[in-house]
Amino acid sequence: MDSPLTLIPPAPLRLEGEGVRLREWSEDDLDALIAVYEDPEMARWTPVPSPFDTAAALAYLAGAREARAEGRRAQFAITTDGVLPRGEALLFRSGTDERDVEIAYGVGAAHRGRGLASRAVRLLAAYAVRHTGARRVVLCIEEANAASAGVARAAGFALTDDEPVLRTSRGRETVLRTWSLTAASRAALTP
């Protein structure tokens, strides 16, 4: 089977709905990207470098462009106006089962509590259901990350019985639980 992400059209891909606009990052977003990721909560729950300074942001953008060009991952700035990044949503093939696509997300501290993450996840999940051919759309969340679990539930995902996923990030092993888009949520997204 081809990679589920082979169906993502060439950049730039823009998605709009749910009151959010997802667009790919650009060099003009450097300061906003730093503002999103230079945050103790982002450092705690995501694999991005910490501190997240200009050098880290430039490397992150270069890695995003490379992964996009290779069809491995698409990374989107979460905006409400198509301009100001308030967070990030990513779509990539699951490392656990290549038949699945995984979504990851994070919202900057100044923009939390507005439902941006759950709306961005629903929008990206709708795209994945309609265009990737993936068996499942999944989220992998650390068990102690109550905020992300809340986003998962609000976006129509349910905790699965899958074995925990072990990932190493910045020298720390993390145990992640898999959440899958529910059948009812998936059906609502299918044309």
N, C-alpha and C. Protein backbone atom coordinates (compact mmCIF):
# COMPACT_ATOMS: atom_id res chain seq x y z
N MET A 1 0.85 -1.18 0.00
CA MET A 1 0.00 0.00 0.00
C MET A 1 0.88 1.23 0.00
N ASP A 2 0.53 2.23 -0.79
CA ASP A 2 1.27 3.48 -0.80
C ASP A 2 1.11 4.19 0.53
N SER A 3 2.04 5.08 0.81
CA SER A 3 1.93 5.90 2.01
C SER A 3 0.62 6.66 1.99
N PRO A 4 -0.13 6.71 3.13
CA PRO A 4 -1.38 7.47 3.15
C PRO A 4 -1.18 8.93 2.79
N LEU A 5 0.02 9.45 2.99
CA LEU A 5 0.24 10.86 2.72
C LEU A 5 0.55 11.15 1.26
N THR A 6 0.61 10.12 0.41
CA THR A 6 0.87 10.38 -1.00
C THR A 6 -0.28 11.14 -1.63
N LEU A 7 -1.42 11.20 -1.01
CA LEU A 7 -2.56 11.90 -1.56
C LEU A 7 -2.61 13.37 -1.18
N ILE A 8 -1.67 13.83 -0.37
CA ILE A 8 -1.62 15.25 -0.03
C ILE A 8 -1.11 15.98 -1.26
N PRO A 9 -1.85 16.97 -1.74
CA PRO A 9 -1.39 17.69 -2.93
C PRO A 9 -0.13 18.49 -2.63
N PRO A 10 0.55 18.91 -3.70
CA PRO A 10 1.76 19.71 -3.49
C PRO A 10 1.48 20.96 -2.66
N ALA A 11 2.51 21.41 -1.98
CA ALA A 11 2.40 22.63 -1.17
C ALA A 11 2.09 23.80 -2.10
N PRO A 12 1.46 24.83 -1.66
CA PRO A 12 0.95 24.98 -0.31
C PRO A 12 -0.46 24.40 -0.17
N LEU A 13 -0.67 23.68 0.90
CA LEU A 13 -1.98 23.15 1.23
C LEU A 13 -2.57 24.04 2.31
N ARG A 14 -3.79 24.49 2.09
CA ARG A 14 -4.50 25.31 3.07
C ARG A 14 -5.84 24.65 3.34
N LEU A 15 -6.21 24.59 4.60
CA LEU A 15 -7.49 24.03 5.00
C LEU A 15 -8.23 25.07 5.81
N GLU A 16 -9.54 25.17 5.59
CA GLU A 16 -10.32 26.16 6.31
C GLU A 16 -11.65 25.55 6.73
N GLY A 17 -12.05 25.84 7.95
CA GLY A 17 -13.31 25.38 8.50
C GLY A 17 -13.23 25.39 10.01
N GLU A 18 -14.36 25.18 10.65
CA GLU A 18 -14.38 25.13 12.12
C GLU A 18 -13.89 26.43 12.75
N GLY A 19 -13.87 27.52 11.98
CA GLY A 19 -13.39 28.79 12.51
C GLY A 19 -11.88 28.90 12.59
N VAL A 20 -11.18 27.97 11.94
CA VAL A 20 -9.71 28.04 11.89
C VAL A 20 -9.26 27.90 10.44
N ARG A 21 -8.07 28.38 10.22
CA ARG A 21 -7.41 28.23 8.93
C ARG A 21 -6.06 27.60 9.19
N LEU A 22 -5.80 26.50 8.52
CA LEU A 22 -4.50 25.83 8.63
C LEU A 22 -3.72 26.13 7.36
N ARG A 23 -2.51 26.59 7.56
CA ARG A 23 -1.63 26.86 6.42
C ARG A 23 -0.23 26.42 6.80
N GLU A 24 0.55 26.13 5.79
CA GLU A 24 1.91 25.69 6.06
C GLU A 24 2.76 26.87 6.54
N TRP A 25 3.77 26.55 7.33
CA TRP A 25 4.65 27.56 7.91
C TRP A 25 5.49 28.22 6.82
N SER A 26 5.89 29.46 7.07
CA SER A 26 6.81 30.16 6.17
C SER A 26 7.90 30.82 7.01
N GLU A 27 8.93 31.29 6.35
CA GLU A 27 10.02 31.99 7.03
C GLU A 27 9.51 33.23 7.76
N ASP A 28 8.42 33.82 7.27
CA ASP A 28 7.86 35.01 7.91
C ASP A 28 7.27 34.71 9.29
N ASP A 29 7.11 33.43 9.61
CA ASP A 29 6.49 33.02 10.87
C ASP A 29 7.48 32.77 12.00
N LEU A 30 8.73 33.10 11.79
CA LEU A 30 9.78 32.75 12.75
C LEU A 30 9.47 33.21 14.17
N ASP A 31 9.12 34.47 14.35
CA ASP A 31 8.83 34.99 15.69
C ASP A 31 7.61 34.32 16.30
N ALA A 32 6.57 34.10 15.49
CA ALA A 32 5.35 33.45 16.00
C ALA A 32 5.64 31.99 16.36
N LEU A 33 6.46 31.31 15.58
CA LEU A 33 6.82 29.92 15.88
C LEU A 33 7.56 29.85 17.21
N ILE A 34 8.47 30.78 17.43
CA ILE A 34 9.18 30.82 18.72
C ILE A 34 8.20 31.09 19.85
N ALA A 35 7.27 32.00 19.65
CA ALA A 35 6.28 32.31 20.69
C ALA A 35 5.43 31.10 21.03
N VAL A 36 5.10 30.28 20.04
CA VAL A 36 4.30 29.08 20.28
C VAL A 36 5.10 28.06 21.09
N TYR A 37 6.34 27.79 20.68
CA TYR A 37 7.09 26.68 21.26
C TYR A 37 8.01 27.03 22.43
N GLU A 38 8.32 28.28 22.66
CA GLU A 38 9.15 28.63 23.81
C GLU A 38 8.24 28.79 25.02
N ASP A 39 7.78 27.67 25.52
CA ASP A 39 6.76 27.60 26.57
C ASP A 39 6.99 26.32 27.37
N PRO A 40 7.00 26.39 28.69
CA PRO A 40 7.25 25.19 29.50
C PRO A 40 6.28 24.04 29.21
N GLU A 41 5.02 24.34 28.94
CA GLU A 41 4.06 23.26 28.64
C GLU A 41 4.36 22.59 27.31
N MET A 42 4.77 23.37 26.32
CA MET A 42 5.14 22.78 25.03
C MET A 42 6.40 21.93 25.21
N ALA A 43 7.34 22.42 26.00
CA ALA A 43 8.56 21.66 26.26
C ALA A 43 8.23 20.36 26.99
N ARG A 44 7.25 20.41 27.86
CA ARG A 44 6.87 19.23 28.65
C ARG A 44 6.23 18.15 27.78
N TRP A 45 5.35 18.53 26.86
CA TRP A 45 4.53 17.55 26.15
C TRP A 45 4.92 17.29 24.71
N THR A 46 5.83 18.07 24.14
CA THR A 46 6.19 17.87 22.74
C THR A 46 7.67 17.55 22.60
N PRO A 47 8.06 17.01 21.45
CA PRO A 47 9.48 16.67 21.26
C PRO A 47 10.33 17.81 20.72
N VAL A 48 9.81 19.03 20.66
CA VAL A 48 10.60 20.14 20.12
C VAL A 48 11.73 20.50 21.08
N PRO A 49 12.79 21.07 20.54
CA PRO A 49 13.91 21.46 21.40
C PRO A 49 13.49 22.52 22.42
N SER A 50 14.18 22.49 23.54
CA SER A 50 13.95 23.50 24.56
C SER A 50 15.31 23.85 25.15
N PRO A 51 15.69 25.11 25.15
CA PRO A 51 14.91 26.27 24.74
C PRO A 51 14.67 26.28 23.23
N PHE A 52 13.59 26.92 22.83
CA PHE A 52 13.22 27.02 21.43
C PHE A 52 13.52 28.45 20.98
N ASP A 53 14.75 28.64 20.52
CA ASP A 53 15.22 29.97 20.13
C ASP A 53 15.23 30.10 18.61
N THR A 54 15.85 31.15 18.10
CA THR A 54 15.87 31.39 16.66
C THR A 54 16.54 30.25 15.91
N ALA A 55 17.66 29.76 16.43
CA ALA A 55 18.35 28.65 15.77
C ALA A 55 17.46 27.40 15.73
N ALA A 56 16.79 27.12 16.85
CA ALA A 56 15.89 25.96 16.89
C ALA A 56 14.73 26.14 15.93
N ALA A 57 14.19 27.34 15.85
CA ALA A 57 13.07 27.61 14.95
C ALA A 57 13.48 27.46 13.48
N LEU A 58 14.65 27.96 13.13
CA LEU A 58 15.14 27.81 11.75
C LEU A 58 15.34 26.35 11.39
N ALA A 59 15.92 25.58 12.31
CA ALA A 59 16.11 24.15 12.07
C ALA A 59 14.76 23.44 11.96
N TYR A 60 13.82 23.84 12.80
CA TYR A 60 12.48 23.24 12.78
C TYR A 60 11.79 23.49 11.44
N LEU A 61 11.86 24.73 10.95
CA LEU A 61 11.26 25.05 9.65
C LEU A 61 11.95 24.28 8.52
N ALA A 62 13.26 24.15 8.57
CA ALA A 62 13.99 23.40 7.55
C ALA A 62 13.57 21.93 7.58
N GLY A 63 13.42 21.38 8.77
CA GLY A 63 12.97 20.00 8.90
C GLY A 63 11.55 19.80 8.39
N ALA A 64 10.70 20.79 8.65
CA ALA A 64 9.31 20.73 8.16
C ALA A 64 9.27 20.75 6.64
N ARG A 65 10.07 21.61 6.03
CA ARG A 65 10.11 21.69 4.55
C ARG A 65 10.63 20.37 3.96
N GLU A 66 11.66 19.82 4.57
CA GLU A 66 12.23 18.56 4.07
C GLU A 66 11.22 17.42 4.19
N ALA A 67 10.58 17.31 5.34
CA ALA A 67 9.59 16.25 5.54
C ALA A 67 8.42 16.40 4.58
N ARG A 68 8.01 17.63 4.33
CA ARG A 68 6.91 17.90 3.39
C ARG A 68 7.31 17.50 1.98
N ALA A 69 8.53 17.87 1.57
CA ALA A 69 9.01 17.56 0.22
C ALA A 69 9.09 16.05 0.01
N GLU A 70 9.39 15.31 1.06
CA GLU A 70 9.48 13.85 0.99
C GLU A 70 8.14 13.17 1.20
N GLY A 71 7.09 13.95 1.48
CA GLY A 71 5.76 13.36 1.69
C GLY A 71 5.61 12.63 3.00
N ARG A 72 6.48 12.90 3.97
CA ARG A 72 6.41 12.22 5.27
C ARG A 72 5.50 12.92 6.26
N ARG A 73 5.40 14.24 6.15
CA ARG A 73 4.67 14.99 7.17
C ARG A 73 4.26 16.34 6.60
N ALA A 74 3.09 16.78 7.00
CA ALA A 74 2.65 18.14 6.68
C ALA A 74 2.42 18.87 8.00
N GLN A 75 3.01 20.05 8.13
CA GLN A 75 2.92 20.83 9.36
C GLN A 75 2.23 22.15 9.06
N PHE A 76 1.23 22.46 9.87
CA PHE A 76 0.39 23.61 9.62
C PHE A 76 0.39 24.58 10.79
N ALA A 77 0.48 25.85 10.47
CA ALA A 77 0.24 26.89 11.47
C ALA A 77 -1.27 26.94 11.67
N ILE A 78 -1.71 26.93 12.92
CA ILE A 78 -3.13 27.11 13.24
C ILE A 78 -3.37 28.60 13.33
N THR A 79 -4.26 29.12 12.50
CA THR A 79 -4.61 30.53 12.54
C THR A 79 -6.13 30.66 12.56
N THR A 80 -6.59 31.84 12.92
CA THR A 80 -8.02 32.12 12.78
C THR A 80 -8.25 33.09 11.63
N ASP A 81 -7.18 33.76 11.22
CA ASP A 81 -7.30 34.77 10.18
C ASP A 81 -6.45 34.47 8.94
N GLY A 82 -5.79 33.32 8.93
CA GLY A 82 -4.91 32.97 7.82
C GLY A 82 -3.54 33.61 7.92
N VAL A 83 -3.31 34.40 8.97
CA VAL A 83 -2.04 35.12 9.10
C VAL A 83 -1.31 34.74 10.39
N LEU A 84 -1.84 35.15 11.55
CA LEU A 84 -1.14 34.99 12.82
C LEU A 84 -1.19 33.54 13.33
N PRO A 85 -0.03 32.85 13.39
CA PRO A 85 0.00 31.50 13.94
C PRO A 85 -0.28 31.52 15.45
N ARG A 86 -1.19 30.64 15.86
CA ARG A 86 -1.55 30.53 17.27
C ARG A 86 -1.17 29.15 17.83
N GLY A 87 -0.74 28.28 16.92
CA GLY A 87 -0.35 26.94 17.30
C GLY A 87 0.03 26.16 16.06
N GLU A 88 0.12 24.85 16.21
CA GLU A 88 0.52 24.00 15.10
C GLU A 88 -0.26 22.70 15.13
N ALA A 89 -0.56 22.18 13.94
CA ALA A 89 -1.16 20.86 13.77
C ALA A 89 -0.34 20.13 12.72
N LEU A 90 -0.06 18.85 12.96
CA LEU A 90 0.76 18.05 12.06
C LEU A 90 -0.01 16.82 11.63
N LEU A 91 0.24 16.36 10.41
CA LEU A 91 -0.34 15.14 9.88
C LEU A 91 0.80 14.29 9.34
N PHE A 92 0.89 13.04 9.78
CA PHE A 92 1.97 12.17 9.34
C PHE A 92 1.56 10.71 9.48
N ARG A 93 2.27 9.85 8.79
CA ARG A 93 2.02 8.43 8.89
C ARG A 93 2.41 7.96 10.29
N SER A 94 1.58 7.15 10.89
CA SER A 94 1.86 6.64 12.23
C SER A 94 3.11 5.79 12.21
N GLY A 95 3.95 5.97 13.21
CA GLY A 95 5.14 5.15 13.36
C GLY A 95 4.82 3.77 13.89
N THR A 96 3.62 3.59 14.43
CA THR A 96 3.21 2.31 15.00
C THR A 96 2.58 1.40 13.95
N ASP A 97 1.76 1.97 13.07
CA ASP A 97 1.09 1.20 12.03
C ASP A 97 0.96 2.10 10.81
N GLU A 98 1.69 1.77 9.76
CA GLU A 98 1.72 2.66 8.59
C GLU A 98 0.39 2.77 7.86
N ARG A 99 -0.58 1.97 8.24
CA ARG A 99 -1.92 2.10 7.65
C ARG A 99 -2.70 3.25 8.29
N ASP A 100 -2.18 3.77 9.39
CA ASP A 100 -2.84 4.86 10.12
C ASP A 100 -2.12 6.18 9.86
N VAL A 101 -2.86 7.28 9.96
CA VAL A 101 -2.24 8.60 9.98
C VAL A 101 -2.43 9.16 11.38
N GLU A 102 -1.45 9.91 11.81
CA GLU A 102 -1.46 10.50 13.14
C GLU A 102 -1.51 12.01 13.03
N ILE A 103 -2.23 12.61 13.95
CA ILE A 103 -2.28 14.05 14.07
C ILE A 103 -1.63 14.43 15.40
N ALA A 104 -0.83 15.46 15.37
CA ALA A 104 -0.27 16.02 16.60
C ALA A 104 -0.59 17.51 16.58
N TYR A 105 -0.57 18.13 17.75
CA TYR A 105 -0.99 19.53 17.82
C TYR A 105 -0.44 20.19 19.07
N GLY A 106 -0.41 21.50 19.02
CA GLY A 106 -0.04 22.30 20.18
C GLY A 106 -0.50 23.72 19.93
N VAL A 107 -0.94 24.38 20.97
CA VAL A 107 -1.40 25.76 20.88
C VAL A 107 -0.57 26.59 21.85
N GLY A 108 -0.15 27.77 21.38
CA GLY A 108 0.64 28.66 22.21
C GLY A 108 -0.11 29.09 23.46
N ALA A 109 0.64 29.36 24.51
CA ALA A 109 0.06 29.70 25.82
C ALA A 109 -0.94 30.85 25.73
N ALA A 110 -0.66 31.86 24.93
CA ALA A 110 -1.54 33.04 24.84
C ALA A 110 -2.86 32.74 24.14
N HIS A 111 -2.97 31.55 23.52
CA HIS A 111 -4.16 31.25 22.71
C HIS A 111 -4.93 30.03 23.20
N ARG A 112 -4.56 29.50 24.34
CA ARG A 112 -5.24 28.30 24.86
C ARG A 112 -6.61 28.65 25.45
N GLY A 113 -7.46 27.64 25.56
CA GLY A 113 -8.76 27.81 26.18
C GLY A 113 -9.82 28.34 25.24
N ARG A 114 -9.53 28.37 23.96
CA ARG A 114 -10.48 28.88 22.96
C ARG A 114 -10.98 27.80 22.01
N GLY A 115 -10.58 26.55 22.26
CA GLY A 115 -11.00 25.46 21.40
C GLY A 115 -10.24 25.38 20.08
N LEU A 116 -9.14 26.10 19.96
CA LEU A 116 -8.38 26.08 18.70
C LEU A 116 -7.84 24.70 18.38
N ALA A 117 -7.29 24.01 19.37
CA ALA A 117 -6.70 22.69 19.12
C ALA A 117 -7.77 21.71 18.66
N SER A 118 -8.89 21.63 19.35
CA SER A 118 -9.92 20.65 18.96
C SER A 118 -10.49 20.98 17.58
N ARG A 119 -10.65 22.26 17.27
CA ARG A 119 -11.16 22.63 15.95
C ARG A 119 -10.15 22.30 14.85
N ALA A 120 -8.87 22.57 15.11
CA ALA A 120 -7.83 22.25 14.14
C ALA A 120 -7.73 20.74 13.93
N VAL A 121 -7.83 19.98 15.02
CA VAL A 121 -7.76 18.52 14.91
C VAL A 121 -8.96 17.99 14.11
N ARG A 122 -10.16 18.50 14.37
CA ARG A 122 -11.33 18.07 13.59
C ARG A 122 -11.16 18.39 12.11
N LEU A 123 -10.66 19.58 11.81
CA LEU A 123 -10.45 19.97 10.42
C LEU A 123 -9.42 19.07 9.74
N LEU A 124 -8.32 18.80 10.41
CA LEU A 124 -7.28 17.94 9.84
C LEU A 124 -7.76 16.50 9.75
N ALA A 125 -8.53 16.05 10.73
CA ALA A 125 -9.10 14.69 10.68
C ALA A 125 -10.05 14.56 9.49
N ALA A 126 -10.84 15.57 9.24
CA ALA A 126 -11.76 15.54 8.08
C ALA A 126 -10.96 15.41 6.79
N TYR A 127 -9.89 16.16 6.69
CA TYR A 127 -9.03 16.05 5.51
C TYR A 127 -8.48 14.63 5.40
N ALA A 128 -7.97 14.10 6.50
CA ALA A 128 -7.36 12.76 6.49
C ALA A 128 -8.36 11.69 6.09
N VAL A 129 -9.57 11.77 6.62
CA VAL A 129 -10.61 10.79 6.29
C VAL A 129 -10.94 10.84 4.80
N ARG A 130 -11.05 12.02 4.28
CA ARG A 130 -11.48 12.18 2.88
C ARG A 130 -10.38 11.94 1.85
N HIS A 131 -9.10 12.17 2.23
CA HIS A 131 -8.06 12.21 1.21
C HIS A 131 -6.87 11.28 1.40
N THR A 132 -6.70 10.65 2.54
CA THR A 132 -5.46 9.89 2.72
C THR A 132 -5.61 8.39 2.52
N GLY A 133 -6.80 7.85 2.61
CA GLY A 133 -6.96 6.40 2.49
C GLY A 133 -6.49 5.64 3.72
N ALA A 134 -6.26 6.35 4.81
CA ALA A 134 -5.77 5.71 6.03
C ALA A 134 -6.85 4.83 6.66
N ARG A 135 -6.41 3.76 7.29
CA ARG A 135 -7.32 2.88 8.02
C ARG A 135 -7.92 3.61 9.20
N ARG A 136 -7.07 4.32 9.96
CA ARG A 136 -7.53 5.08 11.12
C ARG A 136 -6.81 6.41 11.18
N VAL A 137 -7.45 7.37 11.84
CA VAL A 137 -6.83 8.64 12.18
C VAL A 137 -6.62 8.59 13.69
N VAL A 138 -5.37 8.76 14.13
CA VAL A 138 -5.06 8.57 15.55
C VAL A 138 -4.32 9.77 16.13
N LEU A 139 -4.39 9.85 17.45
CA LEU A 139 -3.61 10.78 18.25
C LEU A 139 -2.85 9.93 19.25
N CYS A 140 -1.62 10.29 19.57
CA CYS A 140 -0.85 9.60 20.61
C CYS A 140 -0.55 10.62 21.70
N ILE A 141 -1.07 10.34 22.91
CA ILE A 141 -1.05 11.33 23.99
C ILE A 141 -0.51 10.69 25.27
N GLU A 142 0.38 11.42 25.95
CA GLU A 142 0.84 10.95 27.26
C GLU A 142 -0.35 10.88 28.21
N GLU A 143 -0.41 9.83 29.00
CA GLU A 143 -1.56 9.61 29.87
C GLU A 143 -1.80 10.78 30.84
N ALA A 144 -0.73 11.41 31.30
CA ALA A 144 -0.88 12.51 32.27
C ALA A 144 -1.28 13.84 31.62
N ASN A 145 -1.34 13.89 30.30
CA ASN A 145 -1.65 15.13 29.61
C ASN A 145 -3.17 15.30 29.50
N ALA A 146 -3.77 15.76 30.58
CA ALA A 146 -5.23 15.90 30.65
C ALA A 146 -5.76 16.90 29.63
N ALA A 147 -5.03 17.97 29.37
CA ALA A 147 -5.49 18.96 28.40
C ALA A 147 -5.60 18.34 27.01
N SER A 148 -4.60 17.57 26.59
CA SER A 148 -4.66 16.93 25.27
C SER A 148 -5.74 15.85 25.21
N ALA A 149 -5.96 15.16 26.31
CA ALA A 149 -7.05 14.18 26.34
C ALA A 149 -8.39 14.88 26.16
N GLY A 150 -8.53 16.06 26.74
CA GLY A 150 -9.74 16.85 26.56
C GLY A 150 -9.93 17.28 25.11
N VAL A 151 -8.83 17.67 24.46
CA VAL A 151 -8.88 18.02 23.04
C VAL A 151 -9.33 16.80 22.24
N ALA A 152 -8.75 15.64 22.54
CA ALA A 152 -9.09 14.42 21.81
C ALA A 152 -10.59 14.13 21.90
N ARG A 153 -11.13 14.18 23.10
CA ARG A 153 -12.57 13.92 23.27
C ARG A 153 -13.41 14.95 22.52
N ALA A 154 -13.04 16.22 22.64
CA ALA A 154 -13.79 17.29 21.98
C ALA A 154 -13.73 17.17 20.45
N ALA A 155 -12.67 16.55 19.94
CA ALA A 155 -12.51 16.41 18.49
C ALA A 155 -13.12 15.12 17.96
N GLY A 156 -13.72 14.30 18.83
CA GLY A 156 -14.38 13.08 18.37
C GLY A 156 -13.52 11.84 18.40
N PHE A 157 -12.49 11.83 19.24
CA PHE A 157 -11.60 10.68 19.39
C PHE A 157 -11.91 9.96 20.69
N ALA A 158 -11.62 8.66 20.72
CA ALA A 158 -11.80 7.85 21.93
C ALA A 158 -10.52 7.06 22.18
N LEU A 159 -10.23 6.85 23.44
CA LEU A 159 -9.06 6.06 23.84
C LEU A 159 -9.24 4.63 23.36
N THR A 160 -8.19 4.06 22.79
CA THR A 160 -8.24 2.70 22.27
C THR A 160 -7.63 1.72 23.28
N ASP A 161 -7.73 0.45 22.97
CA ASP A 161 -7.09 -0.59 23.76
C ASP A 161 -5.71 -0.95 23.22
N ASP A 162 -5.21 -0.18 22.27
CA ASP A 162 -3.89 -0.45 21.69
C ASP A 162 -2.84 -0.46 22.80
N GLU A 163 -1.80 -1.24 22.58
CA GLU A 163 -0.67 -1.25 23.51
C GLU A 163 -0.08 0.16 23.56
N PRO A 164 0.41 0.60 24.72
CA PRO A 164 1.04 1.92 24.80
C PRO A 164 2.20 2.03 23.81
N VAL A 165 2.40 3.23 23.30
CA VAL A 165 3.47 3.53 22.36
C VAL A 165 4.61 4.16 23.15
N LEU A 166 5.81 3.64 22.98
CA LEU A 166 6.99 4.19 23.66
C LEU A 166 7.78 5.01 22.66
N ARG A 167 8.07 6.26 23.00
CA ARG A 167 8.88 7.13 22.16
C ARG A 167 9.91 7.80 23.04
N THR A 168 11.08 8.02 22.47
CA THR A 168 12.13 8.74 23.19
C THR A 168 12.24 10.13 22.60
N SER A 169 12.21 11.12 23.46
CA SER A 169 12.28 12.50 23.04
C SER A 169 13.20 13.26 23.99
N ARG A 170 14.22 13.89 23.43
CA ARG A 170 15.19 14.65 24.22
C ARG A 170 15.75 13.82 25.38
N GLY A 171 16.03 12.56 25.11
CA GLY A 171 16.61 11.69 26.12
C GLY A 171 15.64 11.17 27.15
N ARG A 172 14.36 11.43 26.98
CA ARG A 172 13.33 10.99 27.93
C ARG A 172 12.38 10.05 27.22
N GLU A 173 12.15 8.89 27.83
CA GLU A 173 11.18 7.95 27.25
C GLU A 173 9.78 8.36 27.68
N THR A 174 8.88 8.43 26.72
CA THR A 174 7.50 8.77 27.02
C THR A 174 6.60 7.60 26.67
N VAL A 175 5.54 7.44 27.44
CA VAL A 175 4.55 6.40 27.21
C VAL A 175 3.29 7.10 26.72
N LEU A 176 2.89 6.78 25.51
CA LEU A 176 1.74 7.42 24.89
C LEU A 176 0.60 6.43 24.73
N ARG A 177 -0.59 6.93 24.90
CA ARG A 177 -1.80 6.14 24.67
C ARG A 177 -2.39 6.58 23.33
N THR A 178 -2.96 5.63 22.61
CA THR A 178 -3.53 5.90 21.29
C THR A 178 -5.01 6.20 21.40
N TRP A 179 -5.39 7.29 20.76
CA TRP A 179 -6.78 7.69 20.62
C TRP A 179 -7.12 7.57 19.15
N SER A 180 -8.31 7.09 18.84
CA SER A 180 -8.72 6.95 17.44
C SER A 180 -10.02 7.71 17.21
N LEU A 181 -10.13 8.26 16.02
CA LEU A 181 -11.37 8.93 15.63
C LEU A 181 -12.49 7.90 15.73
N THR A 182 -13.55 8.22 16.44
CA THR A 182 -14.64 7.26 16.63
C THR A 182 -15.34 6.99 15.30
N ALA A 183 -16.00 5.84 15.22
CA ALA A 183 -16.74 5.47 14.01
C ALA A 183 -17.79 6.51 13.68
N ALA A 184 -18.49 7.00 14.70
CA ALA A 184 -19.53 7.99 14.48
C ALA A 184 -18.94 9.30 13.95
N SER A 185 -17.81 9.73 14.53
CA SER A 185 -17.16 10.95 14.05
C SER A 185 -16.64 10.78 12.65
N ARG A 186 -16.07 9.61 12.38
CA ARG A 186 -15.55 9.32 11.02
C ARG A 186 -16.69 9.33 10.01
N ALA A 187 -17.80 8.70 10.36
CA ALA A 187 -18.96 8.65 9.45
C ALA A 187 -19.48 10.05 9.15
N ALA A 188 -19.45 10.91 10.15
CA ALA A 188 -19.93 12.28 9.95
C ALA A 188 -19.03 13.06 9.00
N LEU A 189 -17.77 12.63 8.86
CA LEU A 189 -16.81 13.31 7.99
C LEU A 189 -16.77 12.74 6.59
N THR A 190 -17.37 11.58 6.39
CA THR A 190 -17.33 10.91 5.10
C THR A 190 -18.40 11.47 4.19
N PRO A 191 -18.01 11.91 3.00
CA PRO A 191 -19.00 12.50 2.08
C PRO A 191 -20.00 11.48 1.58
